[in-house]
Amino acid sequence: MFKRMGPVGAIGLFLSLFGLWLFVAIPFTETPYGKETNAISGGVILAIGLVAFLVDVRRKGGQQVGKKSKD
């Protein structure tokens, strides 16, 4: 699966890991914005990163899949 990953997939994987960290680790620490805000933003970043990663892997790193060239 990682062999098919392109640059968008790498960014998406990084975003999903960062969002998971925000969602899990930071709500247990106190910040000026509050614990709920960190959990919500972490969940949103996690979802965006996972979608970007899965779409990129599905498209084989940005290559067009299933379309034949007209040469």
PDB file of N, CA and C in Angstrom:
ATOM      1  N   MET A   1       0.818  -1.186   0.000  1.00  0.00           N
ATOM      2  CA  MET A   1       0.000   0.000   0.000  1.00  0.00           C
ATOM      3  C   MET A   1       0.865   1.254   0.000  1.00  0.00           C
ATOM      4  N   PHE A   2       1.964   1.264   0.720  1.00  0.00           N
ATOM      5  CA  PHE A   2       2.820   2.447   0.766  1.00  0.00           C
ATOM      6  C   PHE A   2       3.625   2.630  -0.517  1.00  0.00           C
ATOM      7  N   LYS A   3       3.788   1.547  -1.308  1.00  0.00           N
ATOM      8  CA  LYS A   3       4.492   1.678  -2.586  1.00  0.00           C
ATOM      9  C   LYS A   3       3.674   2.480  -3.581  1.00  0.00           C
ATOM     10  N   ARG A   4       2.360   2.480  -3.422  1.00  0.00           N
ATOM     11  CA  ARG A   4       1.480   3.198  -4.331  1.00  0.00           C
ATOM     12  C   ARG A   4       1.243   4.637  -3.893  1.00  0.00           C
ATOM     13  N   MET A   5       1.847   5.052  -2.789  1.00  0.00           N
ATOM     14  CA  MET A   5       1.573   6.367  -2.225  1.00  0.00           C
ATOM     15  C   MET A   5       2.372   7.449  -2.941  1.00  0.00           C
ATOM     16  N   GLY A   6       1.702   8.525  -3.286  1.00  0.00           N
ATOM     17  CA  GLY A   6       2.347   9.679  -3.899  1.00  0.00           C
ATOM     18  C   GLY A   6       2.561  10.777  -2.870  1.00  0.00           C
ATOM     19  N   PRO A   7       2.895  11.981  -3.311  1.00  0.00           N
ATOM     20  CA  PRO A   7       3.149  13.082  -2.375  1.00  0.00           C
ATOM     21  C   PRO A   7       1.907  13.513  -1.602  1.00  0.00           C
ATOM     22  N   VAL A   8       0.746  13.460  -2.231  1.00  0.00           N
ATOM     23  CA  VAL A   8      -0.482  13.825  -1.520  1.00  0.00           C
ATOM     24  C   VAL A   8      -0.782  12.798  -0.434  1.00  0.00           C
ATOM     25  N   GLY A   9      -0.515  11.541  -0.720  1.00  0.00           N
ATOM     26  CA  GLY A   9      -0.709  10.499   0.274  1.00  0.00           C
ATOM     27  C   GLY A   9       0.227  10.645   1.456  1.00  0.00           C
ATOM     28  N   ALA A  10       1.460  11.065   1.193  1.00  0.00           N
ATOM     29  CA  ALA A  10       2.411  11.280   2.288  1.00  0.00           C
ATOM     30  C   ALA A  10       1.959  12.431   3.176  1.00  0.00           C
ATOM     31  N   ILE A  11       1.487  13.505   2.557  1.00  0.00           N
ATOM     32  CA  ILE A  11       0.979  14.633   3.344  1.00  0.00           C
ATOM     33  C   ILE A  11      -0.268  14.211   4.117  1.00  0.00           C
ATOM     34  N   GLY A  12      -1.135  13.430   3.482  1.00  0.00           N
ATOM     35  CA  GLY A  12      -2.333  12.945   4.158  1.00  0.00           C
ATOM     36  C   GLY A  12      -2.009  12.035   5.323  1.00  0.00           C
ATOM     37  N   LEU A  13      -1.004  11.185   5.163  1.00  0.00           N
ATOM     38  CA  LEU A  13      -0.594  10.307   6.256  1.00  0.00           C
ATOM     39  C   LEU A  13      -0.039  11.118   7.416  1.00  0.00           C
ATOM     40  N   PHE A  14       0.769  12.135   7.105  1.00  0.00           N
ATOM     41  CA  PHE A  14       1.293  13.009   8.151  1.00  0.00           C
ATOM     42  C   PHE A  14       0.159  13.743   8.859  1.00  0.00           C
ATOM     43  N   LEU A  15      -0.803  14.263   8.097  1.00  0.00           N
ATOM     44  CA  LEU A  15      -1.934  14.967   8.702  1.00  0.00           C
ATOM     45  C   LEU A  15      -2.759  14.041   9.587  1.00  0.00           C
ATOM     46  N   SER A  16      -2.954  12.802   9.151  1.00  0.00           N
ATOM     47  CA  SER A  16      -3.746  11.885   9.960  1.00  0.00           C
ATOM     48  C   SER A  16      -3.026  11.531  11.259  1.00  0.00           C
ATOM     49  N   LEU A  17      -1.714  11.375  11.207  1.00  0.00           N
ATOM     50  CA  LEU A  17      -0.965  11.114  12.444  1.00  0.00           C
ATOM     51  C   LEU A  17      -0.984  12.321  13.368  1.00  0.00           C
ATOM     52  N   PHE A  18      -0.847  13.524  12.793  1.00  0.00           N
ATOM     53  CA  PHE A  18      -0.912  14.747  13.591  1.00  0.00           C
ATOM     54  C   PHE A  18      -2.304  14.921  14.201  1.00  0.00           C
ATOM     55  N   GLY A  19      -3.346  14.641  13.419  1.00  0.00           N
ATOM     56  CA  GLY A  19      -4.706  14.737  13.935  1.00  0.00           C
ATOM     57  C   GLY A  19      -4.983  13.713  15.016  1.00  0.00           C
ATOM     58  N   LEU A  20      -4.436  12.516  14.862  1.00  0.00           N
ATOM     59  CA  LEU A  20      -4.592  11.496  15.898  1.00  0.00           C
ATOM     60  C   LEU A  20      -3.920  11.934  17.188  1.00  0.00           C
ATOM     61  N   TRP A  21      -2.744  12.557  17.057  1.00  0.00           N
ATOM     62  CA  TRP A  21      -2.050  13.076  18.237  1.00  0.00           C
ATOM     63  C   TRP A  21      -2.876  14.165  18.908  1.00  0.00           C
ATOM     64  N   LEU A  22      -3.443  15.080  18.121  1.00  0.00           N
ATOM     65  CA  LEU A  22      -4.296  16.127  18.689  1.00  0.00           C
ATOM     66  C   LEU A  22      -5.530  15.527  19.347  1.00  0.00           C
ATOM     67  N   PHE A  23      -6.111  14.531  18.706  1.00  0.00           N
ATOM     68  CA  PHE A  23      -7.356  13.946  19.192  1.00  0.00           C
ATOM     69  C   PHE A  23      -7.149  13.159  20.481  1.00  0.00           C
ATOM     70  N   VAL A  24      -6.009  12.473  20.603  1.00  0.00           N
ATOM     71  CA  VAL A  24      -5.800  11.583  21.743  1.00  0.00           C
ATOM     72  C   VAL A  24      -4.994  12.238  22.857  1.00  0.00           C
ATOM     73  N   ALA A  25      -3.854  12.824  22.526  1.00  0.00           N
ATOM     74  CA  ALA A  25      -2.922  13.262  23.568  1.00  0.00           C
ATOM     75  C   ALA A  25      -3.257  14.630  24.150  1.00  0.00           C
ATOM     76  N   ILE A  26      -3.569  15.583  23.306  1.00  0.00           N
ATOM     77  CA  ILE A  26      -3.717  16.952  23.789  1.00  0.00           C
ATOM     78  C   ILE A  26      -4.963  17.170  24.647  1.00  0.00           C
ATOM     79  N   PRO A  27      -6.100  16.507  24.426  1.00  0.00           N
ATOM     80  CA  PRO A  27      -7.238  16.773  25.311  1.00  0.00           C
ATOM     81  C   PRO A  27      -6.980  16.482  26.783  1.00  0.00           C
ATOM     82  N   PHE A  28      -5.948  15.723  27.082  1.00  0.00           N
ATOM     83  CA  PHE A  28      -5.636  15.458  28.481  1.00  0.00           C
ATOM     84  C   PHE A  28      -4.751  16.533  29.092  1.00  0.00           C
ATOM     85  N   THR A  29      -4.306  17.480  28.287  1.00  0.00           N
ATOM     86  CA  THR A  29      -3.524  18.603  28.795  1.00  0.00           C
ATOM     87  C   THR A  29      -4.349  19.872  28.663  1.00  0.00           C
ATOM     88  N   GLU A  30      -4.122  20.808  29.531  1.00  0.00           N
ATOM     89  CA  GLU A  30      -4.893  22.052  29.517  1.00  0.00           C
ATOM     90  C   GLU A  30      -4.226  23.075  28.612  1.00  0.00           C
ATOM     91  N   THR A  31      -4.988  23.653  27.735  1.00  0.00           N
ATOM     92  CA  THR A  31      -4.511  24.710  26.849  1.00  0.00           C
ATOM     93  C   THR A  31      -5.467  25.893  26.967  1.00  0.00           C
ATOM     94  N   PRO A  32      -5.077  27.055  26.480  1.00  0.00           N
ATOM     95  CA  PRO A  32      -5.972  28.219  26.586  1.00  0.00           C
ATOM     96  C   PRO A  32      -7.287  28.052  25.825  1.00  0.00           C
ATOM     97  N   TYR A  33      -7.322  27.161  24.841  1.00  0.00           N
ATOM     98  CA  TYR A  33      -8.524  27.017  24.021  1.00  0.00           C
ATOM     99  C   TYR A  33      -9.507  26.002  24.584  1.00  0.00           C
ATOM    100  N   GLY A  34      -9.101  25.215  25.531  1.00  0.00           N
ATOM    101  CA  GLY A  34      -9.989  24.216  26.116  1.00  0.00           C
ATOM    102  C   GLY A  34      -9.768  22.833  25.521  1.00  0.00           C
ATOM    103  N   LYS A  35     -10.176  21.829  26.289  1.00  0.00           N
ATOM    104  CA  LYS A  35      -9.943  20.446  25.876  1.00  0.00           C
ATOM    105  C   LYS A  35     -10.837  20.028  24.710  1.00  0.00           C
ATOM    106  N   GLU A  36     -12.081  20.496  24.690  1.00  0.00           N
ATOM    107  CA  GLU A  36     -13.011  20.076  23.645  1.00  0.00           C
ATOM    108  C   GLU A  36     -12.588  20.597  22.278  1.00  0.00           C
ATOM    109  N   THR A  37     -12.074  21.823  22.238  1.00  0.00           N
ATOM    110  CA  THR A  37     -11.642  22.403  20.965  1.00  0.00           C
ATOM    111  C   THR A  37     -10.506  21.594  20.360  1.00  0.00           C
ATOM    112  N   ASN A  38      -9.582  21.147  21.185  1.00  0.00           N
ATOM    113  CA  ASN A  38      -8.464  20.349  20.682  1.00  0.00           C
ATOM    114  C   ASN A  38      -8.941  19.005  20.144  1.00  0.00           C
ATOM    115  N   ALA A  39      -9.883  18.393  20.818  1.00  0.00           N
ATOM    116  CA  ALA A  39     -10.385  17.097  20.361  1.00  0.00           C
ATOM    117  C   ALA A  39     -11.145  17.237  19.045  1.00  0.00           C
ATOM    118  N   ILE A  40     -11.942  18.287  18.921  1.00  0.00           N
ATOM    119  CA  ILE A  40     -12.707  18.487  17.684  1.00  0.00           C
ATOM    120  C   ILE A  40     -11.775  18.785  16.516  1.00  0.00           C
ATOM    121  N   SER A  41     -10.826  19.698  16.721  1.00  0.00           N
ATOM    122  CA  SER A  41      -9.909  20.029  15.624  1.00  0.00           C
ATOM    123  C   SER A  41      -9.032  18.837  15.269  1.00  0.00           C
ATOM    124  N   GLY A  42      -8.628  18.054  16.252  1.00  0.00           N
ATOM    125  CA  GLY A  42      -7.851  16.848  15.976  1.00  0.00           C
ATOM    126  C   GLY A  42      -8.636  15.834  15.165  1.00  0.00           C
ATOM    127  N   GLY A  43      -9.910  15.676  15.485  1.00  0.00           N
ATOM    128  CA  GLY A  43     -10.748  14.759  14.725  1.00  0.00           C
ATOM    129  C   GLY A  43     -10.954  15.208  13.288  1.00  0.00           C
ATOM    130  N   VAL A  44     -11.102  16.520  13.087  1.00  0.00           N
ATOM    131  CA  VAL A  44     -11.278  17.048  11.731  1.00  0.00           C
ATOM    132  C   VAL A  44     -10.002  16.858  10.916  1.00  0.00           C
ATOM    133  N   ILE A  45      -8.847  17.173  11.509  1.00  0.00           N
ATOM    134  CA  ILE A  45      -7.566  16.998  10.812  1.00  0.00           C
ATOM    135  C   ILE A  45      -7.323  15.521  10.509  1.00  0.00           C
ATOM    136  N   LEU A  46      -7.665  14.657  11.446  1.00  0.00           N
ATOM    137  CA  LEU A  46      -7.525  13.214  11.233  1.00  0.00           C
ATOM    138  C   LEU A  46      -8.376  12.751  10.054  1.00  0.00           C
ATOM    139  N   ALA A  47      -9.605  13.221   9.983  1.00  0.00           N
ATOM    140  CA  ALA A  47     -10.491  12.820   8.883  1.00  0.00           C
ATOM    141  C   ALA A  47      -9.979  13.325   7.537  1.00  0.00           C
ATOM    142  N   ILE A  48      -9.538  14.577   7.477  1.00  0.00           N
ATOM    143  CA  ILE A  48      -9.022  15.139   6.225  1.00  0.00           C
ATOM    144  C   ILE A  48      -7.782  14.373   5.768  1.00  0.00           C
ATOM    145  N   GLY A  49      -6.879  14.086   6.701  1.00  0.00           N
ATOM    146  CA  GLY A  49      -5.663  13.357   6.359  1.00  0.00           C
ATOM    147  C   GLY A  49      -5.940  11.949   5.867  1.00  0.00           C
ATOM    148  N   LEU A  50      -6.871  11.257   6.520  1.00  0.00           N
ATOM    149  CA  LEU A  50      -7.196   9.897   6.090  1.00  0.00           C
ATOM    150  C   LEU A  50      -7.835   9.878   4.707  1.00  0.00           C
ATOM    151  N   VAL A  51      -8.712  10.836   4.439  1.00  0.00           N
ATOM    152  CA  VAL A  51      -9.341  10.893   3.116  1.00  0.00           C
ATOM    153  C   VAL A  51      -8.294  11.160   2.045  1.00  0.00           C
ATOM    154  N   ALA A  52      -7.387  12.114   2.302  1.00  0.00           N
ATOM    155  CA  ALA A  52      -6.342  12.419   1.316  1.00  0.00           C
ATOM    156  C   ALA A  52      -5.442  11.209   1.081  1.00  0.00           C
ATOM    157  N   PHE A  53      -5.080  10.508   2.147  1.00  0.00           N
ATOM    158  CA  PHE A  53      -4.221   9.334   2.023  1.00  0.00           C
ATOM    159  C   PHE A  53      -4.911   8.227   1.235  1.00  0.00           C
ATOM    160  N   LEU A  54      -6.152   7.931   1.576  1.00  0.00           N
ATOM    161  CA  LEU A  54      -6.847   6.830   0.915  1.00  0.00           C
ATOM    162  C   LEU A  54      -7.153   7.132  -0.547  1.00  0.00           C
ATOM    163  N   VAL A  55      -7.498   8.375  -0.853  1.00  0.00           N
ATOM    164  CA  VAL A  55      -7.759   8.734  -2.252  1.00  0.00           C
ATOM    165  C   VAL A  55      -6.481   8.631  -3.069  1.00  0.00           C
ATOM    166  N   ASP A  56      -5.354   9.079  -2.503  1.00  0.00           N
ATOM    167  CA  ASP A  56      -4.091   9.024  -3.237  1.00  0.00           C
ATOM    168  C   ASP A  56      -3.636   7.585  -3.456  1.00  0.00           C
ATOM    169  N   VAL A  57      -3.787   6.744  -2.455  1.00  0.00           N
ATOM    170  CA  VAL A  57      -3.398   5.340  -2.607  1.00  0.00           C
ATOM    171  C   VAL A  57      -4.319   4.653  -3.608  1.00  0.00           C
ATOM    172  N   ARG A  58      -5.578   5.008  -3.591  1.00  0.00           N
ATOM    173  CA  ARG A  58      -6.526   4.428  -4.556  1.00  0.00           C
ATOM    174  C   ARG A  58      -6.173   4.828  -5.984  1.00  0.00           C
ATOM    175  N   ARG A  59      -5.654   6.037  -6.160  1.00  0.00           N
ATOM    176  CA  ARG A  59      -5.276   6.512  -7.494  1.00  0.00           C
ATOM    177  C   ARG A  59      -3.834   6.164  -7.850  1.00  0.00           C
ATOM    178  N   LYS A  60      -3.187   5.365  -7.058  1.00  0.00           N
ATOM    179  CA  LYS A  60      -1.800   4.927  -7.289  1.00  0.00           C
ATOM    180  C   LYS A  60      -0.847   6.109  -7.406  1.00  0.00           C
ATOM    181  N   GLY A  61      -0.883   6.997  -6.437  1.00  0.00           N
ATOM    182  CA  GLY A  61       0.076   8.099  -6.393  1.00  0.00           C
ATOM    183  C   GLY A  61      -0.144   9.149  -7.451  1.00  0.00           C
ATOM    184  N   GLY A  62      -1.379   9.421  -7.805  1.00  0.00           N
ATOM    185  CA  GLY A  62      -1.669  10.462  -8.769  1.00  0.00           C
ATOM    186  C   GLY A  62      -1.756   9.984 -10.202  1.00  0.00           C
ATOM    187  N   GLN A  63      -1.451   8.716 -10.456  1.00  0.00           N
ATOM    188  CA  GLN A  63      -1.550   8.189 -11.818  1.00  0.00           C
ATOM    189  C   GLN A  63      -3.019   7.955 -12.159  1.00  0.00           C
ATOM    190  N   GLN A  64      -3.342   8.093 -13.397  1.00  0.00           N
ATOM    191  CA  GLN A  64      -4.700   7.808 -13.838  1.00  0.00           C
ATOM    192  C   GLN A  64      -4.869   6.295 -13.944  1.00  0.00           C
ATOM    193  N   VAL A  65      -5.856   5.775 -13.279  1.00  0.00           N
ATOM    194  CA  VAL A  65      -6.083   4.337 -13.252  1.00  0.00           C
ATOM    195  C   VAL A  65      -7.258   4.001 -14.162  1.00  0.00           C
ATOM    196  N   GLY A  66      -7.088   3.005 -14.991  1.00  0.00           N
ATOM    197  CA  GLY A  66      -8.173   2.501 -15.808  1.00  0.00           C
ATOM    198  C   GLY A  66      -8.420   3.255 -17.098  1.00  0.00           C
ATOM    199  N   LYS A  67      -7.674   4.289 -17.367  1.00  0.00           N
ATOM    200  CA  LYS A  67      -7.840   5.035 -18.613  1.00  0.00           C
ATOM    201  C   LYS A  67      -6.685   4.698 -19.542  1.00  0.00           C
ATOM    202  N   LYS A  68      -7.025   4.288 -20.733  1.00  0.00           N
ATOM    203  CA  LYS A  68      -5.993   3.942 -21.705  1.00  0.00           C
ATOM    204  C   LYS A  68      -5.670   5.164 -22.553  1.00  0.00           C
ATOM    205  N   SER A  69      -4.424   5.289 -22.910  1.00  0.00           N
ATOM    206  CA  SER A  69      -4.032   6.413 -23.764  1.00  0.00           C
ATOM    207  C   SER A  69      -4.527   6.187 -25.186  1.00  0.00           C
ATOM    208  N   LYS A  70      -4.726   7.276 -25.901  1.00  0.00           N
ATOM    209  CA  LYS A  70      -5.254   7.191 -27.264  1.00  0.00           C
ATOM    210  C   LYS A  70      -4.141   7.260 -28.297  1.00  0.00           C
ATOM    211  N   ASP A  71      -3.028   6.682 -28.000  1.00  0.00           N
ATOM    212  CA  ASP A  71      -1.888   6.682 -28.943  1.00  0.00           C
ATOM    213  C   ASP A  71      -2.045   5.613 -29.994  1.00  0.00           C
TER     214      ASP A  71
END
